[in-house]
Amino acid sequence: VQLQASGGGLVQPGGSLRLSCAASGSIVRINSMDWYRQAPGKQRELVATVSRVGSTDYADSVKGRFIISRDNVKNTMYLQMNKLIPEDTAVYYCHAEIRSSSWSDYWGQGTQVTVSS
């Protein structure tokens, strides 16, 4: 089982980016899926979570700007990031609880998001 994150890049303040995280391999079921981020010199923090049935939760710092969603047919999660600010600059990691032969936590490789003028 692998998680592949994509969609990062350089964007100006006020701009938007859409991250994707695709799960592949021998997957029986995926429970919650999450986006984390880690800025230089800071701890990794939870950004947003989406349950299998679509319930969502967000860090206060991104509420009203970011939207997390998932497609259970494609085993893919998305993070639509709007009104980006320099403080959103970080490496973004996806995470999921996946049942293959057993339940395990999986992490994507990270995608860099840089918000700068």
Protein backbone atom coordinates (compact mmCIF):
# COMPACT_ATOMS: atom_id res chain seq x y z
CA VAL A 1 0.00 0.00 0.00
CA GLN A 2 1.27 3.46 -0.90
CA LEU A 3 0.07 7.04 -0.52
CA GLN A 4 1.19 9.43 -3.23
CA ALA A 5 0.79 13.16 -2.55
CA SER A 6 0.92 15.74 -5.32
CA GLY A 7 -0.10 19.29 -6.20
CA GLY A 8 2.27 21.42 -4.20
CA GLY A 9 4.13 24.39 -5.59
CA LEU A 10 4.86 28.09 -5.34
CA VAL A 11 1.90 30.45 -5.10
CA GLN A 12 1.44 34.12 -4.29
CA PRO A 13 -0.40 35.22 -1.15
CA GLY A 14 -4.13 35.10 -1.75
CA GLY A 15 -3.77 32.34 -4.30
CA SER A 16 -5.04 28.76 -4.35
CA LEU A 17 -3.64 25.26 -4.68
CA ARG A 18 -5.23 21.83 -4.72
CA LEU A 19 -3.38 18.90 -3.20
CA SER A 20 -4.19 15.29 -3.99
CA CYS A 21 -3.33 12.08 -2.17
CA ALA A 22 -3.92 8.79 -3.95
CA ALA A 23 -3.84 5.45 -2.16
CA SER A 24 -2.84 2.39 -4.15
CA GLY A 25 -2.13 -1.26 -3.58
CA SER A 26 -4.05 -4.07 -1.94
CA ILE A 27 -6.65 -1.98 -0.11
CA VAL A 28 -9.65 -3.47 1.64
CA ARG A 29 -10.91 -0.33 3.35
CA ILE A 30 -9.79 3.18 4.23
CA ASN A 31 -11.04 4.84 7.40
CA SER A 32 -10.06 8.43 8.19
CA MET A 33 -7.75 10.38 5.92
CA ASP A 34 -5.83 13.45 7.02
CA TRP A 35 -3.52 16.21 5.90
CA TYR A 36 -0.65 17.28 8.13
CA ARG A 37 1.96 19.95 7.54
CA GLN A 38 5.37 20.74 8.90
CA ALA A 39 7.01 24.13 8.57
CA PRO A 40 10.78 24.58 9.03
CA GLY A 41 11.70 24.44 12.70
CA LYS A 42 8.17 23.50 13.77
CA GLN A 43 6.40 20.32 14.76
CA ARG A 44 4.14 18.50 12.36
CA GLU A 45 0.55 19.66 12.84
CA LEU A 46 -2.83 18.29 11.81
CA VAL A 47 -4.47 20.47 9.18
CA ALA A 48 -7.68 18.65 8.28
CA THR A 49 -9.41 15.30 8.64
CA VAL A 50 -12.13 13.58 6.63
CA SER A 51 -13.92 10.43 7.74
CA ARG A 52 -15.03 7.66 5.44
CA VAL A 53 -18.55 9.08 5.38
CA GLY A 54 -17.33 12.61 4.71
CA SER A 55 -17.33 14.26 8.12
CA THR A 56 -14.62 16.90 8.29
CA ASP A 57 -12.62 18.79 10.87
CA TYR A 58 -10.07 21.57 10.49
CA ALA A 59 -7.34 23.31 12.41
CA ASP A 60 -8.47 26.77 13.49
CA SER A 61 -5.74 28.34 11.37
CA VAL A 62 -7.25 27.02 8.11
CA LYS A 63 -11.00 27.08 8.84
CA GLY A 64 -12.89 28.96 6.16
CA ARG A 65 -9.95 28.76 3.73
CA PHE A 66 -9.22 25.05 3.20
CA ILE A 67 -11.62 22.31 2.13
CA ILE A 68 -10.84 18.62 2.56
CA SER A 69 -12.68 15.98 0.55
CA ARG A 70 -12.31 12.41 -0.65
CA ASP A 71 -13.41 10.07 -3.41
CA ASN A 72 -13.89 6.58 -1.99
CA VAL A 73 -14.11 5.03 -5.46
CA LYS A 74 -10.74 6.44 -6.49
CA ASN A 75 -9.22 6.06 -2.99
CA THR A 76 -8.11 9.66 -3.26
CA MET A 77 -8.21 12.62 -0.90
CA TYR A 78 -8.00 16.29 -1.78
CA LEU A 79 -7.17 19.54 -0.03
CA GLN A 80 -8.40 22.69 -1.72
CA MET A 81 -6.39 25.55 -0.26
CA ASN A 82 -7.71 29.07 -0.83
CA LYS A 83 -6.65 32.52 0.38
CA LEU A 84 -3.17 31.20 1.05
CA ILE A 85 -0.91 33.16 3.37
CA PRO A 86 2.86 32.91 3.95
CA GLU A 87 2.20 31.05 7.22
CA ASP A 88 0.78 28.17 5.16
CA THR A 89 4.26 27.48 3.78
CA ALA A 90 5.20 23.94 4.77
CA VAL A 91 5.64 20.40 3.57
CA TYR A 92 2.19 18.82 3.45
CA TYR A 93 1.82 15.13 4.25
CA CYS A 94 -1.17 12.90 3.77
CA HIS A 95 -2.02 10.15 6.20
CA ALA A 96 -4.61 7.40 6.22
CA GLU A 97 -5.77 4.44 8.25
CA ILE A 98 -5.88 1.58 5.75
CA ARG A 99 -6.84 -2.04 5.99
CA SER A 100 -4.83 -4.30 3.74
CA SER A 101 -3.97 -7.60 5.43
CA SER A 102 -4.47 -5.67 8.67
CA TRP A 103 -5.10 -2.09 9.81
CA SER A 104 -2.07 0.20 9.58
CA ASP A 105 -1.20 3.88 9.38
CA TYR A 106 0.28 5.07 6.10
CA TRP A 107 2.01 8.33 5.18
CA GLY A 108 2.61 9.98 1.85
CA GLN A 109 6.01 11.35 0.91
CA GLY A 110 5.13 15.03 1.38
CA THR A 111 4.63 17.86 -1.07
CA GLN A 112 6.10 21.34 -0.65
CA VAL A 113 3.78 24.34 -0.56
CA THR A 114 5.43 27.76 -0.63
CA VAL A 115 3.40 30.95 -0.34
CA SER A 116 5.50 33.93 -1.29
CA SER A 117 5.41 37.03 -3.43
